[in-house]
C-alpha cells in the first residue's frame, strides 16, 4: 500500500494525523533543508541579495554571485568551466542539445534520466554492464564516427554506482562524447561534494557533466560542467542567455556554508557505514557501502514499517502502471538512535 504524508517542513521526524514518523525517504541526503545554521545563512543571504533575480544572465545588470559560484564549483570539481541554470532538468536538456548536433550516433544507457535522454529510448532488459559491453563491441565495428554516450552517474533506485573506466576499451577509431547526469551524485560521490567530474576527466572522451543541485545540496538550481569550448557553446545558447537564473541567495548560502556541507557529509558517511554493517546479511535488502539507499522488493514491508512508525519511499516508477520502487533512504538529519531503532524494526519484521 502507498502512503501519503503532509508536512510543512521535511525533517528527520514528520507528524501526520497525530502520529510521529521517522522520515526515511526523499532526496535530502545531507539533511540541508532543515539544518538551522544553513537556514539562517539563507535568511541572511536573502537580505543581501533579495528573494530572486528574474533578469536573464545576458542582462546589463549583473550579480557577481553567479560567476563566483560557477568559478568556485568548477574549480572544486576540477572542470574548466561551469554554467548555472534554474533547474537540473533544464541543465540536462541544454547539455544534451549542445552535444547532439556535434555527433553522428547516440548510445543511451539503461535507466538514463529523461533530462539528458531527450525522449531517446533506453535499452530494455539490459544491465548497465551489458550495455557497456555492447558499446565496446559496436565501437570496434565503426570508423570515424562521433558518438555521444548518455548515462546517469548512479542508479538511485537499485542502488548501483556506475564506473566509466570501461570507455578506455572503446575503439580509438572514433571520437566520443560522454554526458553524465550527476543529480544523485553531487554531495555524495566523487570529489568532496562536487560530483564525479574529477573521477572521469582523464578518460578518452569529451566529458560533460550536468545535473540538479536540489537533492543533497538543497539548491534550486542545475549546473553543467565541462571544458571551456563546450561551455562556451552552452553560454551562447538562447536558453542560457534568456532564461531566469537561480535565486542568488541560495548560491551565496552554499559558498558561505561549505563547512556545514562537509560536516553533514561526514555524518552521513558514518550512518551509511553503520547501516551497511547492520543489514549486510539481512536477506531481501540491497545496499552499496558508498550510497545512502537501501532497496527492497516486498511491498508488505512498506506497510509493516509504516505501522512501526517509519516513512519509507514507495511509488510506481517510471510510469503510473509500473510496480512500486521501495527504498529506505538515509539522511544526515538522522540521529544514531533513529538508525538503531530502524535496524531493530527491520530485524523484527524479517523474523515475522
Protein backbone atom coordinates (compact mmCIF):
# COMPACT_ATOMS: atom_id res chain seq x y z
CA UNK A 1 0.00 0.00 0.00
CA UNK A 2 1.17 3.54 -0.77
CA UNK A 3 1.02 6.20 1.94
CA UNK A 4 0.98 9.99 1.69
CA UNK A 5 2.21 12.30 4.43
CA UNK A 6 1.65 16.07 4.52
CA UNK A 7 4.07 18.37 6.30
CA UNK A 8 5.24 21.99 6.26
CA UNK A 9 8.92 21.07 6.61
CA UNK A 10 10.52 17.72 5.75
CA UNK A 11 12.80 16.73 8.61
CA UNK A 12 14.00 13.61 10.41
CA UNK A 13 10.57 13.28 12.02
CA UNK A 14 7.22 14.03 10.42
CA UNK A 15 3.85 14.23 12.13
CA UNK A 16 0.83 13.07 10.19
CA UNK A 17 -2.69 12.61 11.53
CA UNK A 18 -1.45 12.97 15.08
CA UNK A 19 1.31 10.36 14.81
CA UNK A 20 5.04 10.88 14.57
CA UNK A 21 7.07 9.01 11.93
CA UNK A 22 10.80 8.76 11.40
CA UNK A 23 11.42 10.03 7.88
CA UNK A 24 13.46 7.71 5.63
CA UNK A 25 12.55 8.87 2.11
CA UNK A 26 13.18 11.75 -0.29
CA UNK A 27 16.46 13.06 -1.66
CA UNK A 28 17.67 15.34 1.15
CA UNK A 29 20.68 13.09 1.62
CA UNK A 30 22.69 15.66 3.61
CA UNK A 31 19.67 16.97 5.50
CA UNK A 32 20.46 20.54 4.49
CA UNK A 33 16.88 21.77 4.09
CA UNK A 34 16.18 21.62 7.81
CA UNK A 35 19.68 22.45 9.10
CA UNK A 36 19.26 25.51 11.39
CA UNK A 37 22.64 27.10 10.60
CA UNK A 38 22.13 26.74 6.85
CA UNK A 39 18.60 28.14 7.08
CA UNK A 40 19.92 31.17 8.95
CA UNK A 41 22.61 31.64 6.30
CA UNK A 42 19.85 31.57 3.69
CA UNK A 43 17.84 34.21 5.54
CA UNK A 44 20.92 36.43 5.74
CA UNK A 45 21.61 35.84 2.05
CA UNK A 46 18.05 36.81 1.11
CA UNK A 47 18.54 40.09 2.99
CA UNK A 48 21.75 40.59 0.99
CA UNK A 49 20.55 39.59 -2.50
CA UNK A 50 16.75 39.66 -2.31
CA UNK A 51 14.40 36.69 -2.83
CA UNK A 52 15.06 36.34 -6.57
CA UNK A 53 16.75 37.82 -9.63
CA UNK A 54 14.35 37.49 -12.53
CA UNK A 55 16.58 39.08 -15.14
CA UNK A 56 18.49 36.94 -17.63
CA UNK A 57 22.23 36.26 -17.44
CA UNK A 58 22.53 38.42 -20.57
CA UNK A 59 21.14 41.49 -18.80
CA UNK A 60 23.19 44.67 -18.41
CA UNK A 61 22.54 44.43 -14.64
CA UNK A 62 24.82 41.67 -13.36
CA UNK A 63 25.08 39.92 -9.98
CA UNK A 64 28.66 38.74 -9.41
CA UNK A 65 27.47 35.86 -7.21
CA UNK A 66 26.65 33.82 -10.35
CA UNK A 67 30.13 33.93 -11.80
CA UNK A 68 31.62 33.50 -8.32
CA UNK A 69 29.59 30.33 -7.79
CA UNK A 70 30.38 28.93 -11.25
CA UNK A 71 34.10 29.57 -10.87
CA UNK A 72 34.14 28.05 -7.38
CA UNK A 73 32.16 24.95 -8.33
CA UNK A 74 34.18 24.34 -11.50
CA UNK A 75 37.50 24.69 -9.67
CA UNK A 76 36.46 22.31 -6.87
CA UNK A 77 35.02 19.80 -9.36
CA UNK A 78 38.24 20.06 -11.43
CA UNK A 79 36.37 21.19 -14.54
CA UNK A 80 37.48 24.06 -16.74
CA UNK A 81 34.12 25.83 -16.60
CA UNK A 82 30.57 25.67 -15.27
CA UNK A 83 27.19 27.13 -16.21
CA UNK A 84 24.23 27.57 -13.86
CA UNK A 85 20.60 27.03 -14.83
CA UNK A 86 17.43 27.31 -12.78
CA UNK A 87 16.81 23.55 -12.68
CA UNK A 88 18.57 20.26 -13.19
CA UNK A 89 16.16 19.29 -15.95
CA UNK A 90 16.92 22.47 -17.87
CA UNK A 91 20.64 21.88 -17.38
CA UNK A 92 20.30 18.34 -18.71
CA UNK A 93 18.29 19.39 -21.74
CA UNK A 94 20.73 22.18 -22.58
CA UNK A 95 23.73 19.88 -22.16
CA UNK A 96 22.17 17.28 -24.45
CA UNK A 97 21.10 19.87 -27.04
CA UNK A 98 24.63 21.29 -27.05
CA UNK A 99 26.25 17.93 -27.77
CA UNK A 100 23.65 16.33 -30.02
CA UNK A 101 24.35 18.40 -33.17
CA UNK A 102 28.05 17.51 -32.87
CA UNK A 103 27.65 13.72 -33.16
CA UNK A 104 26.62 11.03 -35.63
CA UNK A 105 25.33 8.45 -33.13
CA UNK A 106 23.90 8.48 -29.62
CA UNK A 107 24.09 5.47 -27.29
CA UNK A 108 21.87 5.70 -24.21
CA UNK A 109 22.47 3.63 -21.08
CA UNK A 110 19.66 1.79 -19.30
CA UNK A 111 17.62 3.93 -16.88
CA UNK A 112 19.13 7.21 -18.12
CA UNK A 113 17.11 10.14 -16.79
CA UNK A 114 14.83 11.90 -19.32
CA UNK A 115 16.62 15.17 -18.52
CA UNK A 116 19.54 14.08 -20.71
CA UNK A 117 17.98 11.39 -22.90
CA UNK A 118 15.51 13.83 -24.51
CA UNK A 119 12.99 11.08 -25.25
CA UNK A 120 15.54 8.63 -26.64
CA UNK A 121 14.54 5.15 -25.54
CA UNK A 122 16.88 3.42 -23.14
CA UNK A 123 17.66 -0.24 -23.80
CA UNK A 124 15.12 -2.51 -22.13
CA UNK A 125 16.21 -5.65 -20.32
CA UNK A 126 19.92 -4.76 -20.29
CA UNK A 127 22.03 -4.11 -17.23
CA UNK A 128 24.42 -1.18 -17.31
CA UNK A 129 27.33 -3.64 -17.61
CA UNK A 130 25.70 -5.39 -20.57
CA UNK A 131 25.15 -2.02 -22.24
CA UNK A 132 28.83 -1.18 -21.73
CA UNK A 133 29.90 -4.39 -23.45
CA UNK A 134 27.58 -3.68 -26.39
CA UNK A 135 29.06 -0.19 -26.74
CA UNK A 136 32.61 -1.56 -26.73
CA UNK A 137 31.79 -4.22 -29.31
CA UNK A 138 29.90 -1.81 -31.57
CA UNK A 139 32.67 0.79 -31.41
CA UNK A 140 35.11 -1.69 -32.97
CA UNK A 141 32.78 -2.10 -35.95
CA UNK A 142 32.89 1.65 -36.72
CA UNK A 143 35.46 4.08 -38.08
CA UNK A 144 35.45 7.87 -37.99
CA UNK A 145 32.17 8.25 -36.13
CA UNK A 146 31.34 10.86 -33.48
CA UNK A 147 29.43 9.09 -30.74
CA UNK A 148 27.56 10.51 -27.72
CA UNK A 149 27.25 8.29 -24.64
CA UNK A 150 24.47 9.14 -22.17
CA UNK A 151 24.23 7.82 -18.61
CA UNK A 152 23.40 8.62 -15.02
CA UNK A 153 26.32 8.60 -12.58
CA UNK A 154 24.29 6.38 -10.29
CA UNK A 155 21.04 4.48 -10.37
CA UNK A 156 19.50 5.53 -7.04
CA UNK A 157 16.66 3.04 -7.40
CA UNK A 158 18.65 -0.22 -7.25
CA UNK A 159 21.10 1.31 -5.99
CA UNK A 160 24.09 0.99 -8.34
CA UNK A 161 27.10 3.28 -8.83
CA UNK A 162 28.44 3.34 -12.38
CA UNK A 163 32.13 3.15 -13.27
CA UNK A 164 33.11 4.69 -16.62
CA UNK A 165 36.68 3.35 -16.85
CA UNK A 166 35.29 0.92 -19.45
CA UNK A 167 35.36 3.75 -22.02
CA UNK A 168 39.12 3.12 -22.27
CA UNK A 169 38.21 -0.06 -24.18
CA UNK A 170 36.29 1.79 -26.90
CA UNK A 171 37.88 1.77 -30.34
CA UNK A 172 40.21 4.75 -30.85
CA UNK A 173 38.97 4.96 -34.44
CA UNK A 174 36.04 7.10 -33.31
CA UNK A 175 35.54 10.28 -31.25
CA UNK A 176 33.42 10.03 -28.11
CA UNK A 177 31.44 12.47 -26.00
CA UNK A 178 30.24 11.36 -22.56
CA UNK A 179 27.35 13.16 -20.85
CA UNK A 180 26.73 12.07 -17.26
CA UNK A 181 23.82 13.16 -15.06
CA UNK A 182 25.26 13.72 -11.57
CA UNK A 183 21.98 14.72 -9.87
CA UNK A 184 22.19 11.87 -7.36
CA UNK A 185 25.99 12.08 -7.09
CA UNK A 186 26.51 15.72 -6.08
CA UNK A 187 27.19 15.80 -2.34
CA UNK A 188 27.68 12.04 -2.19
CA UNK A 189 30.11 10.66 -4.77
CA UNK A 190 33.32 11.77 -6.39
CA UNK A 191 35.41 14.68 -5.13
CA UNK A 192 34.08 16.12 -1.89
CA UNK A 193 30.57 17.42 -2.51
CA UNK A 194 31.28 18.33 -6.14
CA UNK A 195 30.39 15.15 -8.00
CA UNK A 196 32.22 12.79 -10.32
CA UNK A 197 33.87 15.10 -12.87
CA UNK A 198 37.32 14.68 -11.27
CA UNK A 199 36.97 10.88 -11.47
CA UNK A 200 36.39 10.77 -15.22
CA UNK A 201 38.10 13.86 -16.63
CA UNK A 202 41.09 11.89 -17.99
CA UNK A 203 39.08 9.29 -19.91
CA UNK A 204 39.44 9.19 -23.73
CA UNK A 205 36.19 11.14 -24.15
CA UNK A 206 34.98 14.74 -24.25
CA UNK A 207 33.35 14.84 -20.82
CA UNK A 208 30.35 16.93 -19.83
CA UNK A 209 28.54 16.52 -16.53
CA UNK A 210 25.22 18.07 -15.60
CA UNK A 211 22.54 17.68 -13.00
CA UNK A 212 20.28 19.02 -10.33
CA UNK A 213 21.79 20.67 -7.26
CA UNK A 214 18.44 20.36 -5.50
CA UNK A 215 18.95 16.97 -3.90
CA UNK A 216 21.88 16.52 -1.50
CA UNK A 217 22.99 20.15 -1.90
CA UNK A 218 19.47 21.63 -1.42
CA UNK A 219 19.93 24.33 -4.07
CA UNK A 220 17.07 25.07 -6.51
CA UNK A 221 19.43 25.10 -9.48
CA UNK A 222 21.08 22.97 -12.15
CA UNK A 223 24.65 23.00 -13.39
CA UNK A 224 26.71 21.97 -16.41
CA UNK A 225 30.44 21.20 -16.12
CA UNK A 226 32.90 20.75 -18.96
CA UNK A 227 35.78 22.23 -20.91
CA UNK A 228 35.87 25.86 -21.99
CA UNK A 229 34.92 25.25 -25.62
CA UNK A 230 31.85 23.17 -24.77
CA UNK A 231 30.74 25.56 -22.04
CA UNK A 232 31.12 28.49 -24.44
CA UNK A 233 28.57 26.78 -26.69
CA UNK A 234 26.28 26.42 -23.67
CA UNK A 235 26.60 30.10 -22.82
CA UNK A 236 25.86 31.13 -26.40
CA UNK A 237 22.64 29.12 -26.45
CA UNK A 238 19.43 31.16 -26.27
CA UNK A 239 18.16 29.00 -23.41
CA UNK A 240 21.06 30.07 -21.21
CA UNK A 241 21.08 33.69 -22.37
CA UNK A 242 17.37 34.38 -21.97
CA UNK A 243 16.19 32.23 -19.05
CA UNK A 244 15.99 33.44 -15.47
CA UNK A 245 18.88 32.18 -13.35
CA UNK A 246 18.58 30.53 -9.91
CA UNK A 247 17.79 32.69 -6.89
CA UNK A 248 21.12 34.25 -5.87
CA UNK A 249 20.61 33.86 -2.12
CA UNK A 250 20.90 30.06 -2.35
CA UNK A 251 24.20 30.33 -4.21
CA UNK A 252 25.63 32.70 -1.62
CA UNK A 253 24.44 30.32 1.12
CA UNK A 254 26.28 27.43 -0.49
CA UNK A 255 29.54 29.36 -0.78
CA UNK A 256 29.43 30.62 2.81
CA UNK A 257 28.17 27.31 4.23
CA UNK A 258 30.89 24.99 2.96
CA UNK A 259 31.87 23.78 6.41
CA UNK A 260 28.25 22.79 7.13
CA UNK A 261 28.02 20.73 3.94
CA UNK A 262 31.21 18.82 4.67
CA UNK A 263 30.19 18.25 8.29
CA UNK A 264 26.87 16.78 7.13
CA UNK A 265 28.67 14.59 4.62
CA UNK A 266 30.81 13.11 7.41
CA UNK A 267 27.70 12.37 9.46
CA UNK A 268 26.00 10.66 6.52
CA UNK A 269 29.06 8.53 5.82
CA UNK A 270 29.01 7.29 9.42
CA UNK A 271 25.32 6.47 9.03
CA UNK A 272 25.96 4.52 5.82
CA UNK A 273 28.80 2.56 7.41
CA UNK A 274 26.63 1.61 10.38
CA UNK A 275 23.62 0.59 8.28
CA UNK A 276 25.67 -1.38 5.77
CA UNK A 277 27.23 -3.40 8.58
CA UNK A 278 23.88 -3.87 10.28
CA UNK A 279 21.90 -5.13 7.28
CA UNK A 280 24.62 -6.70 5.12
CA UNK A 281 23.41 -10.19 5.97
CA UNK A 282 19.68 -9.42 6.08
CA UNK A 283 18.08 -11.19 3.14
CA UNK A 284 15.85 -9.05 0.92
CA UNK A 285 17.72 -5.75 1.26
CA UNK A 286 20.27 -4.27 -1.15
CA UNK A 287 22.76 -1.53 -0.32
CA UNK A 288 26.21 -0.46 -1.51
CA UNK A 289 28.62 0.96 1.11
CA UNK A 290 29.03 4.39 -0.52
CA UNK A 291 25.36 5.20 -1.15
CA UNK A 292 22.53 6.07 1.30
CA UNK A 293 19.79 3.97 -0.31
CA UNK A 294 18.54 0.55 0.78
CA UNK A 295 16.20 -1.10 -1.72
CA UNK A 296 13.79 -3.97 -1.20
CA UNK A 297 11.01 -5.63 -3.20
CA UNK A 298 8.41 -6.62 -0.62
CA UNK A 299 5.54 -4.12 -0.62
CA UNK A 300 4.25 -5.70 2.59
CA UNK A 301 7.38 -4.38 4.32
CA UNK A 302 6.27 -0.84 3.43
CA UNK A 303 3.07 -1.48 5.39
CA UNK A 304 4.90 -3.06 8.31
CA UNK A 305 7.41 -0.22 8.56
CA UNK A 306 4.59 2.31 8.39
CA UNK A 307 2.88 0.57 11.30
CA UNK A 308 6.16 0.67 13.22
CA UNK A 309 6.45 4.43 12.70
CA UNK A 310 8.71 4.75 9.64
CA UNK A 311 8.16 6.63 6.40
CA UNK A 312 9.94 4.90 3.51
CA UNK A 313 9.98 5.68 -0.22
CA UNK A 314 7.48 3.65 -2.24
CA UNK A 315 5.94 4.71 -5.55
CA UNK A 316 5.41 3.35 -9.11
CA UNK A 317 8.32 4.13 -11.47
CA UNK A 318 8.84 5.10 -14.23
CA UNK A 319 5.14 5.13 -15.23
CA UNK A 320 1.94 5.09 -13.14
CA UNK A 321 1.43 1.45 -14.16
CA UNK A 322 4.92 0.34 -13.12
CA UNK A 323 5.45 -1.71 -9.95
CA UNK A 324 6.44 0.37 -6.91
CA UNK A 325 10.09 1.05 -6.14
CA UNK A 326 10.62 0.51 -2.41
CA UNK A 327 13.57 2.10 -0.63
CA UNK A 328 14.84 3.21 2.76
CA UNK A 329 16.80 6.44 2.30
CA UNK A 330 19.32 7.62 4.85
CA UNK A 331 20.00 11.27 5.62
CA UNK A 332 22.46 13.21 7.72
CA UNK A 333 19.49 14.57 9.66
CA UNK A 334 19.00 11.17 11.31
CA UNK A 335 20.31 10.52 14.79
CA UNK A 336 22.22 7.33 15.65
CA UNK A 337 19.24 6.27 17.75
CA UNK A 338 16.98 6.58 14.67
CA UNK A 339 19.15 4.07 12.85
CA UNK A 340 19.29 1.72 15.81
CA UNK A 341 15.50 1.83 16.05
CA UNK A 342 15.22 1.13 12.32
CA UNK A 343 17.58 -1.85 12.49
CA UNK A 344 15.60 -3.32 15.36
CA UNK A 345 12.34 -2.85 13.44
CA UNK A 346 13.82 -4.48 10.32
CA UNK A 347 15.08 -7.48 12.28
CA UNK A 348 11.67 -7.94 13.91
CA UNK A 349 9.92 -7.55 10.54
CA UNK A 350 12.13 -10.08 8.76
CA UNK A 351 11.72 -12.59 11.59
CA UNK A 352 7.91 -12.38 11.44
